[in-house]
Amino acid sequence: MREDLALIQTLDFFTPVVDDPYTFGQIAAANSLSDVYAMGGQPLTAMNIVCFPSCLPMDILGQILKGGADKVIEAGAILVGGHTVDDQEPKYGLSVTGTVHPKKVWANGTARAGDVLILTKPLGLGILNTAIKADIATEEQYQGAVDTMMTLNKYAMEAVVDLDVSACTDITGFGFLGHVYEMAKGSDLSIEIDSSRVPVLEGASELAAMGIIPAGMYANKKHIEAEVKKLVEVKEVVEDLLYDPQTSGGLLIAIREDNVEAALEALQKINRNSFAVVGRVMEKKNYTIYLK
């Protein structure tokens, strides 16, 4: 728009991942706002996107919209309207406009060799959501997943925005390794991931071991497993988690090694989710993921 101002436009919506309509609205809005934060921007305005069956009570729709509106307020943005259509299955999300300085945009394909990777939320949301839908998740597992999905990536972004971040992406439907691959390929470099350091939600490993796996995990694995080279033996359950599709997942941040300590201290202060250093960017220009 100007030499010091650029717009970010993003749009996302999906079907309910939990039964409570207010909670669903919050999760869907947090997910929709995430791409703005993944680019280092601030959300400005949002518009509702709603598909809703006319046979359901309107107060359910009201609760969904209230959840979304409250999350937009938390983000510091303004809800300016939207559009609703009659559909057989509820769907909700936002179209979001954000702002960022053109020279401070975070992209997912601009990592530098030697950068360290930090993940700001634990994995396992796809597995836990599958368990929630099957009504086999414990209350603790349910609450852990919901709290993670409802957390805005605003806080993690603001914690590191003044540091030397070279690249960033949010972890969503392609799974952790799918988004790592996007970063490696876009940057024309390779990435090494330490699977033992990746944070995981409580109960997700046990559920994966029971075979509670979303179909999207298999699709994600099939899509990129040829690009993943295992340097050590990695348990099947761990692989399942690394390919697991996430809903409103965290940020994967590539940052200069001498900024890592400051980033971890800043993330510790916000104390929103589990976070960890999970890997580093390598000089090799074959955009392979090396898994150890």
C-alpha atoms as a PDB file:
ATOM      1  CA  MET A   1       0.000   0.000   0.000  1.00  0.00           C
ATOM      2  CA  ARG A   2       2.930   2.287   0.840  1.00  0.00           C
ATOM      3  CA  GLU A   3       6.658   1.874   1.263  1.00  0.00           C
ATOM      4  CA  ASP A   4       6.044   1.155   4.951  1.00  0.00           C
ATOM      5  CA  LEU A   5       2.716  -0.688   4.733  1.00  0.00           C
ATOM      6  CA  ALA A   6       1.574  -3.961   3.170  1.00  0.00           C
ATOM      7  CA  LEU A   7      -1.672  -5.898   3.546  1.00  0.00           C
ATOM      8  CA  ILE A   8      -1.969  -9.591   4.378  1.00  0.00           C
ATOM      9  CA  GLN A   9      -5.142 -11.364   3.214  1.00  0.00           C
ATOM     10  CA  THR A  10      -6.093 -14.819   4.450  1.00  0.00           C
ATOM     11  CA  LEU A  11      -9.193 -17.017   4.616  1.00  0.00           C
ATOM     12  CA  ASP A  12      -9.964 -20.310   6.348  1.00  0.00           C
ATOM     13  CA  PHE A  13     -13.012 -22.202   7.619  1.00  0.00           C
ATOM     14  CA  PHE A  14     -13.883 -25.779   8.557  1.00  0.00           C
ATOM     15  CA  THR A  15     -16.452 -28.104  10.126  1.00  0.00           C
ATOM     16  CA  PRO A  16     -16.738 -28.463  13.931  1.00  0.00           C
ATOM     17  CA  VAL A  17     -13.911 -30.236  15.768  1.00  0.00           C
ATOM     18  CA  VAL A  18     -15.743 -30.124  19.129  1.00  0.00           C
ATOM     19  CA  ASP A  19     -19.420 -30.271  20.121  1.00  0.00           C
ATOM     20  CA  ASP A  20     -19.580 -27.013  22.091  1.00  0.00           C
ATOM     21  CA  PRO A  21     -20.512 -24.248  19.602  1.00  0.00           C
ATOM     22  CA  TYR A  22     -18.828 -21.395  21.503  1.00  0.00           C
ATOM     23  CA  THR A  23     -15.575 -23.351  21.782  1.00  0.00           C
ATOM     24  CA  PHE A  24     -15.771 -24.268  18.091  1.00  0.00           C
ATOM     25  CA  GLY A  25     -16.144 -20.592  17.201  1.00  0.00           C
ATOM     26  CA  GLN A  26     -13.046 -19.697  19.206  1.00  0.00           C
ATOM     27  CA  ILE A  27     -10.953 -22.475  17.650  1.00  0.00           C
ATOM     28  CA  ALA A  28     -12.036 -21.652  14.096  1.00  0.00           C
ATOM     29  CA  ALA A  29     -11.279 -17.960  14.585  1.00  0.00           C
ATOM     30  CA  ALA A  30      -7.855 -18.640  16.139  1.00  0.00           C
ATOM     31  CA  ASN A  31      -7.039 -20.881  13.191  1.00  0.00           C
ATOM     32  CA  SER A  32      -8.171 -18.262  10.664  1.00  0.00           C
ATOM     33  CA  LEU A  33      -6.121 -15.508  12.309  1.00  0.00           C
ATOM     34  CA  SER A  34      -3.001 -17.658  12.411  1.00  0.00           C
ATOM     35  CA  ASP A  35      -1.675 -16.971   8.904  1.00  0.00           C
ATOM     36  CA  VAL A  36      -1.419 -13.261   9.689  1.00  0.00           C
ATOM     37  CA  TYR A  37       0.750 -14.029  12.707  1.00  0.00           C
ATOM     38  CA  ALA A  38       2.797 -16.543  10.693  1.00  0.00           C
ATOM     39  CA  MET A  39       3.797 -13.651   8.406  1.00  0.00           C
ATOM     40  CA  GLY A  40       4.751 -11.376  11.303  1.00  0.00           C
ATOM     41  CA  GLY A  41       1.663  -9.209  10.859  1.00  0.00           C
ATOM     42  CA  GLN A  42      -1.141  -7.782  12.972  1.00  0.00           C
ATOM     43  CA  PRO A  43      -4.792  -8.569  12.127  1.00  0.00           C
ATOM     44  CA  LEU A  44      -6.859  -5.490  11.344  1.00  0.00           C
ATOM     45  CA  THR A  45     -10.358  -6.615  10.298  1.00  0.00           C
ATOM     46  CA  ALA A  46     -12.188  -9.927  10.012  1.00  0.00           C
ATOM     47  CA  MET A  47     -15.374 -11.122   8.301  1.00  0.00           C
ATOM     48  CA  ASN A  48     -17.375 -14.209   9.225  1.00  0.00           C
ATOM     49  CA  ILE A  49     -17.792 -17.080   6.769  1.00  0.00           C
ATOM     50  CA  VAL A  50     -20.709 -19.272   7.857  1.00  0.00           C
ATOM     51  CA  CYS A  51     -22.472 -22.345   6.497  1.00  0.00           C
ATOM     52  CA  PHE A  52     -25.329 -23.395   8.766  1.00  0.00           C
ATOM     53  CA  PRO A  53     -28.252 -25.837   8.454  1.00  0.00           C
ATOM     54  CA  SER A  54     -31.633 -24.144   8.748  1.00  0.00           C
ATOM     55  CA  CYS A  55     -32.889 -27.149  10.757  1.00  0.00           C
ATOM     56  CA  LEU A  56     -30.609 -26.382  13.698  1.00  0.00           C
ATOM     57  CA  PRO A  57     -31.535 -23.865  16.444  1.00  0.00           C
ATOM     58  CA  MET A  58     -30.308 -20.353  15.736  1.00  0.00           C
ATOM     59  CA  ASP A  59     -28.896 -20.024  19.240  1.00  0.00           C
ATOM     60  CA  ILE A  60     -26.214 -22.554  18.245  1.00  0.00           C
ATOM     61  CA  LEU A  61     -25.172 -20.227  15.431  1.00  0.00           C
ATOM     62  CA  GLY A  62     -25.204 -17.339  17.883  1.00  0.00           C
ATOM     63  CA  GLN A  63     -22.795 -19.175  20.179  1.00  0.00           C
ATOM     64  CA  ILE A  64     -20.439 -20.011  17.284  1.00  0.00           C
ATOM     65  CA  LEU A  65     -20.377 -16.373  16.208  1.00  0.00           C
ATOM     66  CA  LYS A  66     -19.876 -15.179  19.800  1.00  0.00           C
ATOM     67  CA  GLY A  67     -16.878 -17.494  20.167  1.00  0.00           C
ATOM     68  CA  GLY A  68     -15.387 -16.144  16.972  1.00  0.00           C
ATOM     69  CA  ALA A  69     -16.095 -12.526  17.896  1.00  0.00           C
ATOM     70  CA  ASP A  70     -14.470 -12.892  21.316  1.00  0.00           C
ATOM     71  CA  LYS A  71     -11.334 -14.342  19.742  1.00  0.00           C
ATOM     72  CA  VAL A  72     -11.186 -11.490  17.198  1.00  0.00           C
ATOM     73  CA  ILE A  73     -11.435  -9.013  20.083  1.00  0.00           C
ATOM     74  CA  GLU A  74      -8.588 -10.837  21.872  1.00  0.00           C
ATOM     75  CA  ALA A  75      -6.542 -10.464  18.677  1.00  0.00           C
ATOM     76  CA  GLY A  76      -7.087  -6.700  18.735  1.00  0.00           C
ATOM     77  CA  ALA A  77      -8.931  -6.759  15.406  1.00  0.00           C
ATOM     78  CA  ILE A  78     -12.441  -5.620  14.435  1.00  0.00           C
ATOM     79  CA  LEU A  79     -15.212  -7.907  13.181  1.00  0.00           C
ATOM     80  CA  VAL A  80     -16.845  -6.005  10.316  1.00  0.00           C
ATOM     81  CA  GLY A  81     -19.514  -8.388   9.001  1.00  0.00           C
ATOM     82  CA  GLY A  82     -19.607 -11.562   6.944  1.00  0.00           C
ATOM     83  CA  HIS A  83     -21.799 -13.873   4.915  1.00  0.00           C
ATOM     84  CA  THR A  84     -24.022 -16.834   5.783  1.00  0.00           C
ATOM     85  CA  VAL A  85     -25.434 -19.608   3.582  1.00  0.00           C
ATOM     86  CA  ASP A  86     -27.744 -22.538   4.269  1.00  0.00           C
ATOM     87  CA  ASP A  87     -25.780 -25.810   4.167  1.00  0.00           C
ATOM     88  CA  GLN A  88     -26.221 -29.384   5.380  1.00  0.00           C
ATOM     89  CA  GLU A  89     -23.248 -29.229   7.765  1.00  0.00           C
ATOM     90  CA  PRO A  90     -22.052 -26.318   9.928  1.00  0.00           C
ATOM     91  CA  LYS A  91     -18.855 -24.614   8.806  1.00  0.00           C
ATOM     92  CA  TYR A  92     -17.258 -21.504  10.250  1.00  0.00           C
ATOM     93  CA  GLY A  93     -14.178 -19.370   9.807  1.00  0.00           C
ATOM     94  CA  LEU A  94     -12.932 -15.913   8.968  1.00  0.00           C
ATOM     95  CA  SER A  95     -11.550 -13.843   6.149  1.00  0.00           C
ATOM     96  CA  VAL A  96      -8.869 -11.693   7.772  1.00  0.00           C
ATOM     97  CA  THR A  97      -7.010  -8.588   6.664  1.00  0.00           C
ATOM     98  CA  GLY A  98      -3.767  -7.800   8.440  1.00  0.00           C
ATOM     99  CA  THR A  99      -0.934  -5.302   8.131  1.00  0.00           C
ATOM    100  CA  VAL A 100       2.836  -5.662   8.118  1.00  0.00           C
ATOM    101  CA  HIS A 101       5.864  -3.606   7.110  1.00  0.00           C
ATOM    102  CA  PRO A 102       6.905  -4.796   3.606  1.00  0.00           C
ATOM    103  CA  LYS A 103      10.512  -5.266   4.727  1.00  0.00           C
ATOM    104  CA  LYS A 104       9.507  -7.241   7.824  1.00  0.00           C
ATOM    105  CA  VAL A 105       7.309  -9.906   6.227  1.00  0.00           C
ATOM    106  CA  TRP A 106       7.969 -13.460   7.419  1.00  0.00           C
ATOM    107  CA  ALA A 107       7.704 -16.008   4.596  1.00  0.00           C
ATOM    108  CA  ASN A 108       7.929 -19.788   4.799  1.00  0.00           C
ATOM    109  CA  GLY A 109      10.660 -20.132   2.158  1.00  0.00           C
ATOM    110  CA  THR A 110      13.355 -17.723   3.356  1.00  0.00           C
ATOM    111  CA  ALA A 111      15.243 -19.754   5.967  1.00  0.00           C
ATOM    112  CA  ARG A 112      19.048 -19.448   6.126  1.00  0.00           C
ATOM    113  CA  ALA A 113      21.654 -22.168   6.590  1.00  0.00           C
ATOM    114  CA  GLY A 114      22.532 -22.362  10.271  1.00  0.00           C
ATOM    115  CA  ASP A 115      19.141 -21.133  11.491  1.00  0.00           C
ATOM    116  CA  VAL A 116      17.635 -22.913  14.475  1.00  0.00           C
ATOM    117  CA  LEU A 117      13.988 -24.046  14.384  1.00  0.00           C
ATOM    118  CA  ILE A 118      11.606 -23.421  17.269  1.00  0.00           C
ATOM    119  CA  LEU A 119       8.107 -24.953  17.462  1.00  0.00           C
ATOM    120  CA  THR A 120       5.671 -23.001  19.660  1.00  0.00           C
ATOM    121  CA  LYS A 121       2.854 -25.537  20.234  1.00  0.00           C
ATOM    122  CA  PRO A 122       2.882 -29.294  20.875  1.00  0.00           C
ATOM    123  CA  LEU A 123       1.790 -31.813  18.228  1.00  0.00           C
ATOM    124  CA  GLY A 124      -0.999 -34.390  18.377  1.00  0.00           C
ATOM    125  CA  LEU A 125      -4.092 -32.290  17.668  1.00  0.00           C
ATOM    126  CA  GLY A 126      -5.291 -34.428  14.748  1.00  0.00           C
ATOM    127  CA  ILE A 127      -5.002 -37.589  16.827  1.00  0.00           C
ATOM    128  CA  LEU A 128      -6.731 -36.021  19.826  1.00  0.00           C
ATOM    129  CA  ASN A 129      -9.514 -34.562  17.672  1.00  0.00           C
ATOM    130  CA  THR A 130     -10.087 -38.044  16.230  1.00  0.00           C
ATOM    131  CA  ALA A 131     -10.349 -39.391  19.779  1.00  0.00           C
ATOM    132  CA  ILE A 132     -12.704 -36.568  20.777  1.00  0.00           C
ATOM    133  CA  LYS A 133     -15.018 -37.336  17.840  1.00  0.00           C
ATOM    134  CA  ALA A 134     -14.978 -41.025  18.820  1.00  0.00           C
ATOM    135  CA  ASP A 135     -15.796 -40.026  22.429  1.00  0.00           C
ATOM    136  CA  ILE A 136     -12.772 -41.866  23.825  1.00  0.00           C
ATOM    137  CA  ALA A 137     -10.640 -38.879  24.880  1.00  0.00           C
ATOM    138  CA  THR A 138     -10.339 -38.201  28.596  1.00  0.00           C
ATOM    139  CA  GLU A 139     -11.392 -34.847  30.013  1.00  0.00           C
ATOM    140  CA  GLU A 140      -7.722 -33.926  30.476  1.00  0.00           C
ATOM    141  CA  GLN A 141      -6.918 -34.840  26.864  1.00  0.00           C
ATOM    142  CA  TYR A 142      -9.931 -32.895  25.602  1.00  0.00           C
ATOM    143  CA  GLN A 143      -9.039 -29.794  27.593  1.00  0.00           C
ATOM    144  CA  GLY A 144      -5.399 -29.956  26.580  1.00  0.00           C
ATOM    145  CA  ALA A 145      -6.329 -30.073  22.903  1.00  0.00           C
ATOM    146  CA  VAL A 146      -8.951 -27.320  23.192  1.00  0.00           C
ATOM    147  CA  ASP A 147      -6.658 -24.974  25.130  1.00  0.00           C
ATOM    148  CA  THR A 148      -3.929 -25.460  22.517  1.00  0.00           C
ATOM    149  CA  MET A 149      -6.241 -24.867  19.555  1.00  0.00           C
ATOM    150  CA  MET A 150      -7.812 -21.780  21.138  1.00  0.00           C
ATOM    151  CA  THR A 151      -4.456 -20.129  21.865  1.00  0.00           C
ATOM    152  CA  LEU A 152      -3.726 -17.331  19.421  1.00  0.00           C
ATOM    153  CA  ASN A 153      -0.318 -17.456  17.729  1.00  0.00           C
ATOM    154  CA  LYS A 154      -0.317 -13.718  18.479  1.00  0.00           C
ATOM    155  CA  TYR A 155       1.582 -14.307  21.707  1.00  0.00           C
ATOM    156  CA  ALA A 156       4.380 -16.409  20.205  1.00  0.00           C
ATOM    157  CA  MET A 157       4.733 -14.005  17.271  1.00  0.00           C
ATOM    158  CA  GLU A 158       4.954 -10.955  19.514  1.00  0.00           C
ATOM    159  CA  ALA A 159       7.512 -12.701  21.722  1.00  0.00           C
ATOM    160  CA  VAL A 160      10.021 -13.023  18.865  1.00  0.00           C
ATOM    161  CA  VAL A 161       8.992 -10.319  16.379  1.00  0.00           C
ATOM    162  CA  ASP A 162      11.914  -8.033  17.268  1.00  0.00           C
ATOM    163  CA  LEU A 163      14.494 -10.826  16.936  1.00  0.00           C
ATOM    164  CA  ASP A 164      16.300 -12.024  13.800  1.00  0.00           C
ATOM    165  CA  VAL A 165      13.606 -14.338  12.400  1.00  0.00           C
ATOM    166  CA  SER A 166      14.308 -15.397   8.810  1.00  0.00           C
ATOM    167  CA  ALA A 167      11.277 -17.618   8.076  1.00  0.00           C
ATOM    168  CA  CYS A 168       8.065 -18.779   9.694  1.00  0.00           C
ATOM    169  CA  THR A 169       5.046 -20.946   9.022  1.00  0.00           C
ATOM    170  CA  ASP A 170       2.108 -22.154  11.080  1.00  0.00           C
ATOM    171  CA  ILE A 171       1.595 -25.910  11.437  1.00  0.00           C
ATOM    172  CA  THR A 172      -1.828 -26.943  10.125  1.00  0.00           C
ATOM    173  CA  GLY A 173      -3.302 -29.597   7.847  1.00  0.00           C
ATOM    174  CA  PHE A 174      -0.099 -30.752   6.125  1.00  0.00           C
ATOM    175  CA  GLY A 175       1.316 -31.847   9.474  1.00  0.00           C
ATOM    176  CA  PHE A 176       4.611 -30.842  11.058  1.00  0.00           C
ATOM    177  CA  LEU A 177       6.852 -32.559   8.507  1.00  0.00           C
ATOM    178  CA  GLY A 178       4.717 -31.313   5.617  1.00  0.00           C
ATOM    179  CA  HIS A 179       5.299 -27.716   6.672  1.00  0.00           C
ATOM    180  CA  VAL A 180       8.974 -28.404   7.391  1.00  0.00           C
ATOM    181  CA  TYR A 181       9.262 -29.686   3.821  1.00  0.00           C
ATOM    182  CA  GLU A 182       7.608 -26.523   2.472  1.00  0.00           C
ATOM    183  CA  MET A 183      10.176 -24.445   4.341  1.00  0.00           C
ATOM    184  CA  ALA A 184      13.094 -26.565   3.137  1.00  0.00           C
ATOM    185  CA  LYS A 185      11.977 -26.586  -0.485  1.00  0.00           C
ATOM    186  CA  GLY A 186      11.118 -22.887  -0.544  1.00  0.00           C
ATOM    187  CA  SER A 187      14.496 -22.034   0.973  1.00  0.00           C
ATOM    188  CA  ASP A 188      16.384 -24.492  -1.303  1.00  0.00           C
ATOM    189  CA  LEU A 189      18.057 -25.980   1.772  1.00  0.00           C
ATOM    190  CA  SER A 190      17.707 -29.077   3.924  1.00  0.00           C
ATOM    191  CA  ILE A 191      16.413 -29.311   7.471  1.00  0.00           C
ATOM    192  CA  GLU A 192      17.404 -31.646  10.289  1.00  0.00           C
ATOM    193  CA  ILE A 193      14.699 -32.468  12.853  1.00  0.00           C
ATOM    194  CA  ASP A 194      15.385 -33.992  16.264  1.00  0.00           C
ATOM    195  CA  SER A 195      12.244 -36.045  16.797  1.00  0.00           C
ATOM    196  CA  SER A 196      13.040 -36.570  20.490  1.00  0.00           C
ATOM    197  CA  ARG A 197      12.715 -32.840  21.172  1.00  0.00           C
ATOM    198  CA  VAL A 198       9.367 -32.206  19.465  1.00  0.00           C
ATOM    199  CA  PRO A 199       6.717 -31.351  22.111  1.00  0.00           C
ATOM    200  CA  VAL A 200       3.632 -33.599  22.143  1.00  0.00           C
ATOM    201  CA  LEU A 201       0.241 -33.170  23.803  1.00  0.00           C
ATOM    202  CA  GLU A 202      -0.631 -35.337  26.775  1.00  0.00           C
ATOM    203  CA  GLY A 203      -2.173 -38.647  25.643  1.00  0.00           C
ATOM    204  CA  ALA A 204      -1.471 -38.241  21.935  1.00  0.00           C
ATOM    205  CA  SER A 205       1.281 -40.874  21.827  1.00  0.00           C
ATOM    206  CA  GLU A 206      -0.838 -43.424  23.675  1.00  0.00           C
ATOM    207  CA  LEU A 207      -3.820 -42.826  21.385  1.00  0.00           C
ATOM    208  CA  ALA A 208      -1.622 -43.131  18.292  1.00  0.00           C
ATOM    209  CA  ALA A 209      -0.290 -46.440  19.608  1.00  0.00           C
ATOM    210  CA  MET A 210      -3.927 -47.615  19.853  1.00  0.00           C
ATOM    211  CA  GLY A 211      -4.454 -46.800  16.164  1.00  0.00           C
ATOM    212  CA  ILE A 212      -6.454 -43.601  16.753  1.00  0.00           C
ATOM    213  CA  ILE A 213      -5.091 -41.917  13.625  1.00  0.00           C
ATOM    214  CA  PRO A 214      -6.842 -39.407  11.306  1.00  0.00           C
ATOM    215  CA  ALA A 215      -6.956 -40.241   7.599  1.00  0.00           C
ATOM    216  CA  GLY A 216      -5.058 -37.030   6.876  1.00  0.00           C
ATOM    217  CA  MET A 217      -1.945 -38.460   8.564  1.00  0.00           C
ATOM    218  CA  TYR A 218      -1.686 -41.213   5.949  1.00  0.00           C
ATOM    219  CA  ALA A 219      -2.187 -38.714   3.113  1.00  0.00           C
ATOM    220  CA  ASN A 220       0.497 -36.408   4.542  1.00  0.00           C
ATOM    221  CA  LYS A 221       2.961 -39.267   4.940  1.00  0.00           C
ATOM    222  CA  LYS A 222       2.379 -40.580   1.434  1.00  0.00           C
ATOM    223  CA  HIS A 223       2.907 -37.111  -0.012  1.00  0.00           C
ATOM    224  CA  ILE A 224       6.392 -36.416   1.364  1.00  0.00           C
ATOM    225  CA  GLU A 225       7.877 -39.545   2.973  1.00  0.00           C
ATOM    226  CA  ALA A 226      10.265 -39.969   0.004  1.00  0.00           C
ATOM    227  CA  GLU A 227      11.842 -36.631   1.015  1.00  0.00           C
ATOM    228  CA  VAL A 228      12.401 -37.721   4.635  1.00  0.00           C
ATOM    229  CA  LYS A 229      15.672 -39.525   5.406  1.00  0.00           C
ATOM    230  CA  LYS A 230      15.820 -41.220   8.810  1.00  0.00           C
ATOM    231  CA  LEU A 231      19.269 -40.991  10.403  1.00  0.00           C
ATOM    232  CA  VAL A 232      18.206 -43.217  13.313  1.00  0.00           C
ATOM    233  CA  GLU A 233      15.394 -45.654  13.982  1.00  0.00           C
ATOM    234  CA  VAL A 234      12.235 -43.624  14.652  1.00  0.00           C
ATOM    235  CA  LYS A 235       9.262 -45.283  16.344  1.00  0.00           C
ATOM    236  CA  GLU A 236       6.100 -45.560  14.273  1.00  0.00           C
ATOM    237  CA  VAL A 237       4.126 -43.640  16.892  1.00  0.00           C
ATOM    238  CA  VAL A 238       6.586 -40.742  16.661  1.00  0.00           C
ATOM    239  CA  GLU A 239       6.306 -40.701  12.868  1.00  0.00           C
ATOM    240  CA  ASP A 240       2.515 -40.659  13.159  1.00  0.00           C
ATOM    241  CA  LEU A 241       2.744 -37.548  15.330  1.00  0.00           C
ATOM    242  CA  LEU A 242       5.145 -35.809  12.959  1.00  0.00           C
ATOM    243  CA  TYR A 243       2.774 -36.327  10.004  1.00  0.00           C
ATOM    244  CA  ASP A 244      -0.408 -35.708  12.044  1.00  0.00           C
ATOM    245  CA  PRO A 245      -2.574 -32.897  10.545  1.00  0.00           C
ATOM    246  CA  GLN A 246      -2.977 -30.064  13.050  1.00  0.00           C
ATOM    247  CA  THR A 247      -5.873 -27.692  13.651  1.00  0.00           C
ATOM    248  CA  SER A 248      -4.758 -24.241  14.809  1.00  0.00           C
ATOM    249  CA  GLY A 249      -1.230 -25.521  15.425  1.00  0.00           C
ATOM    250  CA  GLY A 250       1.768 -23.500  16.483  1.00  0.00           C
ATOM    251  CA  LEU A 251       4.423 -21.504  14.654  1.00  0.00           C
ATOM    252  CA  LEU A 252       7.613 -23.032  13.281  1.00  0.00           C
ATOM    253  CA  ILE A 253      10.174 -20.244  13.512  1.00  0.00           C
ATOM    254  CA  ALA A 254      13.594 -20.190  11.820  1.00  0.00           C
ATOM    255  CA  ILE A 255      15.878 -17.862  13.757  1.00  0.00           C
ATOM    256  CA  ARG A 256      19.589 -17.058  13.981  1.00  0.00           C
ATOM    257  CA  GLU A 257      21.394 -19.249  16.495  1.00  0.00           C
ATOM    258  CA  ASP A 258      22.626 -16.276  18.521  1.00  0.00           C
ATOM    259  CA  ASN A 259      18.983 -15.179  18.993  1.00  0.00           C
ATOM    260  CA  VAL A 260      17.707 -18.523  20.266  1.00  0.00           C
ATOM    261  CA  GLU A 261      18.291 -17.895  23.979  1.00  0.00           C
ATOM    262  CA  ALA A 262      16.431 -14.583  23.824  1.00  0.00           C
ATOM    263  CA  ALA A 263      13.577 -16.230  21.900  1.00  0.00           C
ATOM    264  CA  LEU A 264      13.211 -19.047  24.432  1.00  0.00           C
ATOM    265  CA  GLU A 265      13.246 -16.575  27.325  1.00  0.00           C
ATOM    266  CA  ALA A 266      10.541 -14.489  25.646  1.00  0.00           C
ATOM    267  CA  LEU A 267       8.402 -17.557  24.930  1.00  0.00           C
ATOM    268  CA  GLN A 268       8.816 -18.700  28.539  1.00  0.00           C
ATOM    269  CA  LYS A 269       7.419 -15.374  29.747  1.00  0.00           C
ATOM    270  CA  ILE A 270       4.171 -15.754  27.798  1.00  0.00           C
ATOM    271  CA  ASN A 271       3.840 -19.335  29.134  1.00  0.00           C
ATOM    272  CA  ARG A 272       0.991 -20.252  26.752  1.00  0.00           C
ATOM    273  CA  ASN A 273       1.986 -23.658  25.323  1.00  0.00           C
ATOM    274  CA  SER A 274       4.827 -26.150  25.298  1.00  0.00           C
ATOM    275  CA  PHE A 275       7.590 -25.020  22.951  1.00  0.00           C
ATOM    276  CA  ALA A 276      11.034 -26.335  22.029  1.00  0.00           C
ATOM    277  CA  VAL A 277      14.023 -26.124  19.737  1.00  0.00           C
ATOM    278  CA  VAL A 278      13.302 -28.944  17.280  1.00  0.00           C
ATOM    279  CA  GLY A 279      15.948 -28.729  14.564  1.00  0.00           C
ATOM    280  CA  ARG A 280      18.161 -26.634  12.338  1.00  0.00           C
ATOM    281  CA  VAL A 281      18.529 -25.553   8.725  1.00  0.00           C
ATOM    282  CA  MET A 282      21.407 -27.202   6.835  1.00  0.00           C
ATOM    283  CA  GLU A 283      23.585 -26.006   3.961  1.00  0.00           C
ATOM    284  CA  LYS A 284      22.658 -28.926   1.682  1.00  0.00           C
ATOM    285  CA  LYS A 285      20.620 -27.704  -1.277  1.00  0.00           C
ATOM    286  CA  ASN A 286      18.435 -30.766  -1.827  1.00  0.00           C
ATOM    287  CA  TYR A 287      15.569 -29.729   0.461  1.00  0.00           C
ATOM    288  CA  THR A 288      15.598 -33.111   2.193  1.00  0.00           C
ATOM    289  CA  ILE A 289      14.337 -33.540   5.768  1.00  0.00           C
ATOM    290  CA  TYR A 290      16.824 -35.428   7.901  1.00  0.00           C
ATOM    291  CA  LEU A 291      15.068 -37.065  10.846  1.00  0.00           C
ATOM    292  CA  LYS A 292      16.920 -38.190  13.939  1.00  0.00           C
END
